[in-house]
N, C-alpha and C. Protein backbone atom coordinates (compact mmCIF):
# COMPACT_ATOMS: atom_id res chain seq x y z
N MET A 1 -62.19 47.18 51.23
CA MET A 1 -60.98 47.96 51.17
C MET A 1 -60.61 48.45 52.57
N LYS A 2 -59.33 48.51 52.82
CA LYS A 2 -58.86 49.07 54.08
C LYS A 2 -57.70 50.02 53.79
N ILE A 3 -57.41 50.87 54.75
CA ILE A 3 -56.33 51.83 54.61
C ILE A 3 -55.19 51.42 55.54
N VAL A 4 -54.01 51.29 54.97
CA VAL A 4 -52.81 50.98 55.72
C VAL A 4 -51.98 52.26 55.79
N ILE A 5 -51.52 52.61 56.99
CA ILE A 5 -50.70 53.81 57.18
C ILE A 5 -49.29 53.36 57.56
N LEU A 6 -48.32 53.88 56.82
CA LEU A 6 -46.93 53.45 57.01
C LEU A 6 -46.01 54.67 57.10
N ASP A 7 -44.95 54.53 57.89
CA ASP A 7 -43.90 55.55 57.90
C ASP A 7 -43.11 55.47 56.61
N GLY A 8 -42.47 56.55 56.25
CA GLY A 8 -41.76 56.65 54.97
C GLY A 8 -40.61 55.69 54.77
N THR A 9 -40.09 55.11 55.84
CA THR A 9 -38.99 54.17 55.71
C THR A 9 -39.38 52.75 56.14
N ASP A 10 -40.67 52.52 56.31
CA ASP A 10 -41.17 51.19 56.69
C ASP A 10 -40.90 50.20 55.57
N ASP A 11 -40.38 49.02 55.91
CA ASP A 11 -40.08 48.01 54.90
C ASP A 11 -41.31 47.60 54.10
N ASP A 12 -42.48 47.56 54.72
CA ASP A 12 -43.71 47.17 54.01
C ASP A 12 -44.10 48.17 52.92
N LEU A 13 -43.65 49.40 53.05
CA LEU A 13 -43.98 50.41 52.05
C LEU A 13 -43.54 49.96 50.66
N TYR A 14 -42.37 49.38 50.56
CA TYR A 14 -41.83 48.98 49.27
C TYR A 14 -42.64 47.86 48.64
N ARG A 15 -43.22 47.02 49.45
CA ARG A 15 -44.07 45.93 48.94
C ARG A 15 -45.31 46.50 48.26
N TYR A 16 -45.87 47.55 48.85
CA TYR A 16 -47.09 48.15 48.30
C TYR A 16 -46.80 49.11 47.14
N VAL A 17 -45.82 49.96 47.29
CA VAL A 17 -45.57 51.05 46.34
C VAL A 17 -44.56 50.65 45.26
N GLY A 18 -43.70 49.69 45.56
CA GLY A 18 -42.65 49.28 44.63
C GLY A 18 -43.11 48.99 43.22
N PRO A 19 -44.19 48.23 43.03
CA PRO A 19 -44.62 47.94 41.66
C PRO A 19 -44.93 49.21 40.85
N TYR A 20 -45.38 50.26 41.51
CA TYR A 20 -45.65 51.52 40.82
C TYR A 20 -44.35 52.30 40.63
N ALA A 21 -43.55 52.36 41.67
CA ALA A 21 -42.31 53.14 41.63
C ALA A 21 -41.34 52.60 40.59
N MET A 22 -41.36 51.30 40.38
CA MET A 22 -40.42 50.67 39.44
C MET A 22 -40.98 50.58 38.02
N SER A 23 -42.18 51.03 37.81
CA SER A 23 -42.82 50.93 36.51
C SER A 23 -42.46 52.14 35.64
N ALA A 24 -41.77 51.88 34.53
CA ALA A 24 -41.41 52.96 33.60
C ALA A 24 -42.68 53.65 33.08
N ARG A 25 -43.73 52.88 32.85
CA ARG A 25 -44.99 53.44 32.38
C ARG A 25 -45.55 54.45 33.38
N HIS A 26 -45.49 54.08 34.66
CA HIS A 26 -46.01 55.00 35.69
C HIS A 26 -45.16 56.26 35.77
N VAL A 27 -43.86 56.12 35.74
CA VAL A 27 -42.97 57.30 35.84
C VAL A 27 -43.23 58.23 34.65
N ARG A 28 -43.37 57.67 33.44
CA ARG A 28 -43.68 58.51 32.26
C ARG A 28 -45.03 59.18 32.41
N GLN A 29 -46.03 58.44 32.85
CA GLN A 29 -47.38 58.97 32.99
C GLN A 29 -47.45 60.03 34.09
N ASN A 30 -46.78 59.80 35.20
CA ASN A 30 -46.82 60.71 36.34
C ASN A 30 -45.90 61.91 36.13
N GLY A 31 -44.82 61.72 35.39
CA GLY A 31 -43.88 62.80 35.16
C GLY A 31 -42.87 62.99 36.27
N ASN A 32 -43.03 62.28 37.37
CA ASN A 32 -42.12 62.39 38.50
C ASN A 32 -41.89 61.01 39.10
N PRO A 33 -40.69 60.76 39.61
CA PRO A 33 -40.49 59.49 40.31
C PRO A 33 -41.17 59.54 41.68
N ILE A 34 -41.44 58.39 42.23
CA ILE A 34 -42.00 58.29 43.58
C ILE A 34 -40.84 58.29 44.56
N THR A 35 -40.87 59.21 45.53
CA THR A 35 -39.80 59.31 46.51
C THR A 35 -40.39 59.27 47.92
N THR A 36 -39.53 58.95 48.88
CA THR A 36 -39.96 58.91 50.27
C THR A 36 -38.78 59.27 51.17
N SER A 37 -39.08 59.51 52.43
CA SER A 37 -38.06 59.80 53.43
C SER A 37 -38.66 59.55 54.81
N ASP A 38 -37.89 59.80 55.84
CA ASP A 38 -38.42 59.63 57.19
C ASP A 38 -39.42 60.72 57.55
N LYS A 39 -39.58 61.72 56.70
CA LYS A 39 -40.57 62.78 56.92
C LYS A 39 -41.91 62.47 56.27
N HIS A 40 -42.01 61.34 55.59
CA HIS A 40 -43.24 60.97 54.89
C HIS A 40 -44.08 59.99 55.72
N ARG A 41 -45.37 60.12 55.58
CA ARG A 41 -46.33 59.13 56.07
C ARG A 41 -47.13 58.71 54.84
N TRP A 42 -47.31 57.43 54.66
CA TRP A 42 -47.99 56.89 53.48
C TRP A 42 -49.35 56.32 53.86
N TYR A 43 -50.31 56.58 53.01
CA TYR A 43 -51.67 56.07 53.15
C TYR A 43 -51.92 55.20 51.92
N VAL A 44 -52.12 53.92 52.15
CA VAL A 44 -52.27 52.96 51.06
C VAL A 44 -53.62 52.27 51.19
N GLU A 45 -54.40 52.36 50.14
CA GLU A 45 -55.67 51.63 50.11
C GLU A 45 -55.39 50.25 49.53
N VAL A 46 -55.72 49.20 50.30
CA VAL A 46 -55.45 47.83 49.86
C VAL A 46 -56.76 47.05 49.73
N ASP A 47 -56.74 46.10 48.80
CA ASP A 47 -57.92 45.27 48.59
C ASP A 47 -57.89 44.06 49.53
N ASP A 48 -58.85 43.17 49.37
CA ASP A 48 -58.94 42.02 50.27
C ASP A 48 -57.81 41.01 50.07
N LYS A 49 -57.01 41.18 49.02
CA LYS A 49 -55.83 40.33 48.80
C LYS A 49 -54.55 41.06 49.20
N ASP A 50 -54.71 42.18 49.92
CA ASP A 50 -53.59 42.98 50.44
C ASP A 50 -52.72 43.58 49.33
N ARG A 51 -53.37 43.97 48.23
CA ARG A 51 -52.67 44.62 47.12
C ARG A 51 -53.06 46.10 47.09
N ALA A 52 -52.08 46.94 46.84
CA ALA A 52 -52.34 48.39 46.77
C ALA A 52 -53.26 48.70 45.60
N GLN A 53 -54.28 49.49 45.88
CA GLN A 53 -55.21 49.94 44.86
C GLN A 53 -55.00 51.42 44.54
N GLY A 54 -54.40 52.12 45.46
CA GLY A 54 -54.11 53.54 45.32
C GLY A 54 -53.37 53.97 46.57
N PHE A 55 -52.68 55.10 46.47
CA PHE A 55 -51.93 55.57 47.64
C PHE A 55 -51.56 57.03 47.47
N CYS A 56 -51.13 57.62 48.58
CA CYS A 56 -50.52 58.94 48.56
C CYS A 56 -49.56 59.03 49.73
N SER A 57 -48.63 59.95 49.59
CA SER A 57 -47.75 60.23 50.72
C SER A 57 -48.10 61.61 51.25
N VAL A 58 -47.78 61.82 52.51
CA VAL A 58 -47.92 63.13 53.13
C VAL A 58 -46.57 63.46 53.74
N LYS A 59 -45.93 64.50 53.22
CA LYS A 59 -44.65 64.93 53.77
C LYS A 59 -44.92 65.89 54.91
N MET A 60 -44.34 65.59 56.06
CA MET A 60 -44.56 66.37 57.28
C MET A 60 -43.40 67.33 57.52
N SER A 61 -43.72 68.51 58.04
CA SER A 61 -42.66 69.38 58.53
C SER A 61 -42.13 68.75 59.82
N TYR A 62 -41.05 69.29 60.33
CA TYR A 62 -40.44 68.67 61.52
C TYR A 62 -41.39 68.60 62.70
N ASN A 63 -42.36 69.52 62.81
CA ASN A 63 -43.30 69.48 63.94
C ASN A 63 -44.70 69.02 63.53
N GLY A 64 -44.87 68.65 62.27
CA GLY A 64 -46.14 68.12 61.80
C GLY A 64 -47.22 69.15 61.54
N LEU A 65 -46.90 70.44 61.64
CA LEU A 65 -47.93 71.47 61.45
C LEU A 65 -48.07 71.93 60.00
N ARG A 66 -47.21 71.44 59.14
CA ARG A 66 -47.34 71.66 57.71
C ARG A 66 -47.24 70.29 57.05
N ARG A 67 -48.20 70.00 56.18
CA ARG A 67 -48.26 68.69 55.54
C ARG A 67 -48.57 68.88 54.07
N ARG A 68 -47.90 68.11 53.23
CA ARG A 68 -48.16 68.19 51.78
C ARG A 68 -48.42 66.81 51.22
N ILE A 69 -49.57 66.69 50.56
CA ILE A 69 -49.92 65.45 49.87
C ILE A 69 -49.13 65.41 48.56
N GLY A 70 -48.53 64.27 48.30
CA GLY A 70 -47.80 64.06 47.05
C GLY A 70 -47.82 62.60 46.69
N ASN A 71 -47.07 62.22 45.66
CA ASN A 71 -46.98 60.82 45.24
C ASN A 71 -48.36 60.17 45.18
N LEU A 72 -49.28 60.84 44.55
CA LEU A 72 -50.67 60.39 44.52
C LEU A 72 -50.90 59.45 43.35
N VAL A 73 -51.31 58.25 43.64
CA VAL A 73 -51.70 57.28 42.62
C VAL A 73 -53.11 56.84 42.95
N LEU A 74 -54.02 57.20 42.07
CA LEU A 74 -55.44 56.91 42.28
C LEU A 74 -55.89 55.71 41.47
N PRO A 75 -56.85 54.98 41.98
CA PRO A 75 -57.48 53.95 41.16
C PRO A 75 -58.26 54.62 40.03
N ARG A 76 -58.73 53.84 39.11
CA ARG A 76 -59.49 54.41 37.97
C ARG A 76 -60.67 55.27 38.45
N ASP A 77 -61.32 54.84 39.49
CA ASP A 77 -62.47 55.57 40.03
C ASP A 77 -62.02 56.35 41.26
N ALA A 78 -61.74 57.63 41.06
CA ALA A 78 -61.23 58.47 42.16
C ALA A 78 -62.20 58.57 43.32
N LYS A 79 -63.51 58.43 43.05
CA LYS A 79 -64.49 58.52 44.14
C LYS A 79 -64.25 57.45 45.19
N SER A 80 -63.79 56.29 44.78
CA SER A 80 -63.53 55.21 45.75
C SER A 80 -62.33 55.54 46.62
N PHE A 81 -61.51 56.48 46.19
CA PHE A 81 -60.32 56.86 46.93
C PHE A 81 -60.59 57.99 47.93
N THR A 82 -61.78 58.56 47.88
CA THR A 82 -62.13 59.68 48.74
C THR A 82 -61.95 59.37 50.23
N PRO A 83 -62.32 58.19 50.74
CA PRO A 83 -62.12 57.92 52.17
C PRO A 83 -60.65 58.03 52.61
N LEU A 84 -59.73 57.66 51.74
CA LEU A 84 -58.32 57.75 52.09
C LEU A 84 -57.91 59.22 52.24
N ILE A 85 -58.26 60.05 51.27
CA ILE A 85 -57.93 61.48 51.36
C ILE A 85 -58.69 62.11 52.52
N ALA A 86 -59.91 61.67 52.77
CA ALA A 86 -60.68 62.20 53.90
C ALA A 86 -59.95 61.92 55.22
N GLN A 87 -59.30 60.77 55.33
CA GLN A 87 -58.53 60.46 56.53
C GLN A 87 -57.33 61.40 56.66
N VAL A 88 -56.65 61.68 55.56
CA VAL A 88 -55.52 62.62 55.57
C VAL A 88 -56.01 63.99 56.03
N ILE A 89 -57.14 64.43 55.49
CA ILE A 89 -57.71 65.73 55.87
C ILE A 89 -58.07 65.74 57.35
N ARG A 90 -58.74 64.70 57.81
CA ARG A 90 -59.17 64.61 59.21
C ARG A 90 -57.97 64.71 60.16
N GLU A 91 -56.90 64.00 59.84
CA GLU A 91 -55.71 64.05 60.70
C GLU A 91 -55.07 65.43 60.69
N ALA A 92 -55.06 66.11 59.55
CA ALA A 92 -54.51 67.47 59.49
C ALA A 92 -55.35 68.44 60.29
N VAL A 93 -56.68 68.32 60.18
CA VAL A 93 -57.58 69.20 60.94
C VAL A 93 -57.40 68.97 62.44
N GLU A 94 -57.34 67.71 62.85
CA GLU A 94 -57.16 67.40 64.27
C GLU A 94 -55.84 67.97 64.81
N ALA A 95 -54.80 68.00 63.97
CA ALA A 95 -53.50 68.51 64.39
C ALA A 95 -53.39 70.02 64.18
N GLU A 96 -54.45 70.61 63.65
CA GLU A 96 -54.45 72.04 63.32
C GLU A 96 -53.29 72.37 62.38
N ALA A 97 -53.05 71.49 61.44
CA ALA A 97 -51.95 71.64 60.49
C ALA A 97 -52.41 72.28 59.19
N VAL A 98 -51.49 72.94 58.53
CA VAL A 98 -51.72 73.46 57.19
C VAL A 98 -51.54 72.28 56.24
N LEU A 99 -52.54 72.04 55.39
CA LEU A 99 -52.49 70.91 54.47
C LEU A 99 -52.52 71.43 53.04
N THR A 100 -51.51 71.05 52.27
CA THR A 100 -51.47 71.38 50.86
C THR A 100 -51.32 70.09 50.06
N ALA A 101 -51.53 70.20 48.78
CA ALA A 101 -51.40 69.04 47.90
C ALA A 101 -50.74 69.48 46.60
N TYR A 102 -49.86 68.66 46.10
CA TYR A 102 -49.22 68.85 44.81
C TYR A 102 -50.06 68.05 43.81
N VAL A 103 -50.81 68.75 42.95
CA VAL A 103 -51.89 68.14 42.19
C VAL A 103 -51.69 68.33 40.68
N SER A 104 -51.89 67.26 39.92
CA SER A 104 -51.81 67.34 38.46
C SER A 104 -53.10 67.93 37.91
N ASP A 105 -53.02 68.42 36.68
CA ASP A 105 -54.18 69.04 36.02
C ASP A 105 -55.44 68.19 36.12
N ASP A 106 -55.30 66.91 35.86
CA ASP A 106 -56.48 66.04 35.80
C ASP A 106 -57.11 65.75 37.16
N LYS A 107 -56.47 66.15 38.25
CA LYS A 107 -57.02 65.89 39.59
C LYS A 107 -57.51 67.16 40.29
N THR A 108 -57.33 68.34 39.68
CA THR A 108 -57.68 69.58 40.39
C THR A 108 -59.15 69.67 40.72
N GLU A 109 -60.02 69.30 39.81
CA GLU A 109 -61.46 69.39 40.10
C GLU A 109 -61.85 68.46 41.23
N TRP A 110 -61.30 67.27 41.27
CA TRP A 110 -61.58 66.32 42.35
C TRP A 110 -61.14 66.90 43.68
N PHE A 111 -59.95 67.50 43.75
CA PHE A 111 -59.48 68.13 44.98
C PHE A 111 -60.36 69.31 45.37
N ARG A 112 -60.84 70.08 44.39
CA ARG A 112 -61.77 71.20 44.70
C ARG A 112 -63.02 70.68 45.39
N ARG A 113 -63.55 69.59 44.89
CA ARG A 113 -64.77 69.01 45.49
C ARG A 113 -64.50 68.53 46.92
N LEU A 114 -63.25 68.24 47.25
CA LEU A 114 -62.90 67.80 48.60
C LEU A 114 -62.61 68.97 49.53
N GLY A 115 -62.67 70.21 49.01
CA GLY A 115 -62.49 71.39 49.85
C GLY A 115 -61.15 72.09 49.69
N PHE A 116 -60.37 71.72 48.70
CA PHE A 116 -59.10 72.38 48.44
C PHE A 116 -59.32 73.57 47.51
N ARG A 117 -58.43 74.55 47.60
CA ARG A 117 -58.49 75.71 46.70
C ARG A 117 -57.12 75.88 46.07
N MET A 118 -57.10 76.51 44.90
CA MET A 118 -55.85 76.72 44.18
C MET A 118 -55.01 77.76 44.93
N MET A 119 -53.76 77.44 45.17
CA MET A 119 -52.84 78.38 45.81
C MET A 119 -51.79 78.88 44.82
N ARG A 120 -51.25 77.95 44.04
CA ARG A 120 -50.25 78.32 43.04
C ARG A 120 -50.44 77.44 41.82
N GLN A 121 -50.71 78.07 40.70
CA GLN A 121 -50.99 77.34 39.48
C GLN A 121 -49.72 77.24 38.64
N GLY A 122 -49.39 76.03 38.24
CA GLY A 122 -48.25 75.80 37.37
C GLY A 122 -48.72 75.43 35.99
N VAL A 123 -47.85 74.85 35.19
CA VAL A 123 -48.22 74.45 33.84
C VAL A 123 -49.06 73.17 33.88
N ASN A 124 -48.52 72.11 34.47
CA ASN A 124 -49.24 70.83 34.57
C ASN A 124 -49.51 70.42 36.01
N TRP A 125 -48.78 71.00 36.94
CA TRP A 125 -48.89 70.67 38.35
C TRP A 125 -49.17 71.93 39.15
N HIS A 126 -49.97 71.80 40.21
CA HIS A 126 -50.41 72.95 40.98
C HIS A 126 -50.33 72.65 42.47
N VAL A 127 -50.25 73.71 43.26
CA VAL A 127 -50.31 73.56 44.70
C VAL A 127 -51.69 74.02 45.13
N MET A 128 -52.40 73.12 45.81
CA MET A 128 -53.74 73.43 46.32
C MET A 128 -53.70 73.31 47.84
N GLY A 129 -54.51 74.11 48.52
CA GLY A 129 -54.54 74.09 49.98
C GLY A 129 -55.92 73.77 50.50
N TYR A 130 -55.96 73.08 51.61
CA TYR A 130 -57.23 72.75 52.25
C TYR A 130 -57.53 73.82 53.29
N LYS A 131 -58.70 74.38 53.21
CA LYS A 131 -59.11 75.43 54.14
C LYS A 131 -60.03 74.82 55.18
N HIS A 132 -59.61 74.91 56.43
CA HIS A 132 -60.48 74.47 57.51
C HIS A 132 -60.42 75.50 58.63
N ASP A 133 -61.42 75.54 59.45
CA ASP A 133 -61.56 76.56 60.49
C ASP A 133 -60.40 76.59 61.47
N ARG A 134 -59.78 75.43 61.70
CA ARG A 134 -58.75 75.36 62.73
C ARG A 134 -57.34 75.49 62.16
N THR A 135 -57.20 75.88 60.88
CA THR A 135 -55.87 76.03 60.29
C THR A 135 -55.12 77.13 61.00
N ARG A 136 -53.85 76.88 61.24
CA ARG A 136 -53.00 77.89 61.88
C ARG A 136 -53.01 79.15 61.02
N SER A 137 -53.05 80.29 61.65
CA SER A 137 -53.13 81.54 60.91
C SER A 137 -51.76 82.05 60.50
N ASP A 138 -50.71 81.57 61.16
CA ASP A 138 -49.39 82.06 60.74
C ASP A 138 -48.99 81.38 59.45
N ASP A 139 -48.13 82.04 58.69
CA ASP A 139 -47.73 81.49 57.42
C ASP A 139 -46.23 81.20 57.43
N THR A 140 -45.67 81.03 58.60
CA THR A 140 -44.25 80.74 58.69
C THR A 140 -44.01 79.28 58.42
N GLU A 141 -42.86 78.98 57.85
CA GLU A 141 -42.51 77.59 57.58
C GLU A 141 -42.23 76.87 58.89
N ALA A 142 -42.92 75.79 59.12
CA ALA A 142 -42.76 75.04 60.37
C ALA A 142 -41.60 74.09 60.26
């Protein structure tokens, strides 16, 4: 497995994410459509045949100091997806960015094990934040 990183408007993004985004089953199961913009960076785990096995997007603030994980599609075995999320975390820590994730009920425990904590609990979806020593202390919107 390898990780491909793409900008939110990269033409290759649609090749990897399109089959999920266009699937009525996925939209019903996820409850939200998959969206992107020039503020998104995508992390796609691909197999040896260059097919997406799982992915997530990270929406960046204009200066990159606030980042939110969203559009998360995991393979059946979430543990195999940990290196991809670990890369997202590593990049946020290196940039001293605030990292949050928009997480469904069934993924909250997995995110907790990765070092995220609950920030705002919703009915089915929650906002979780990653706590690291180098996180900016201000809470202003970047």
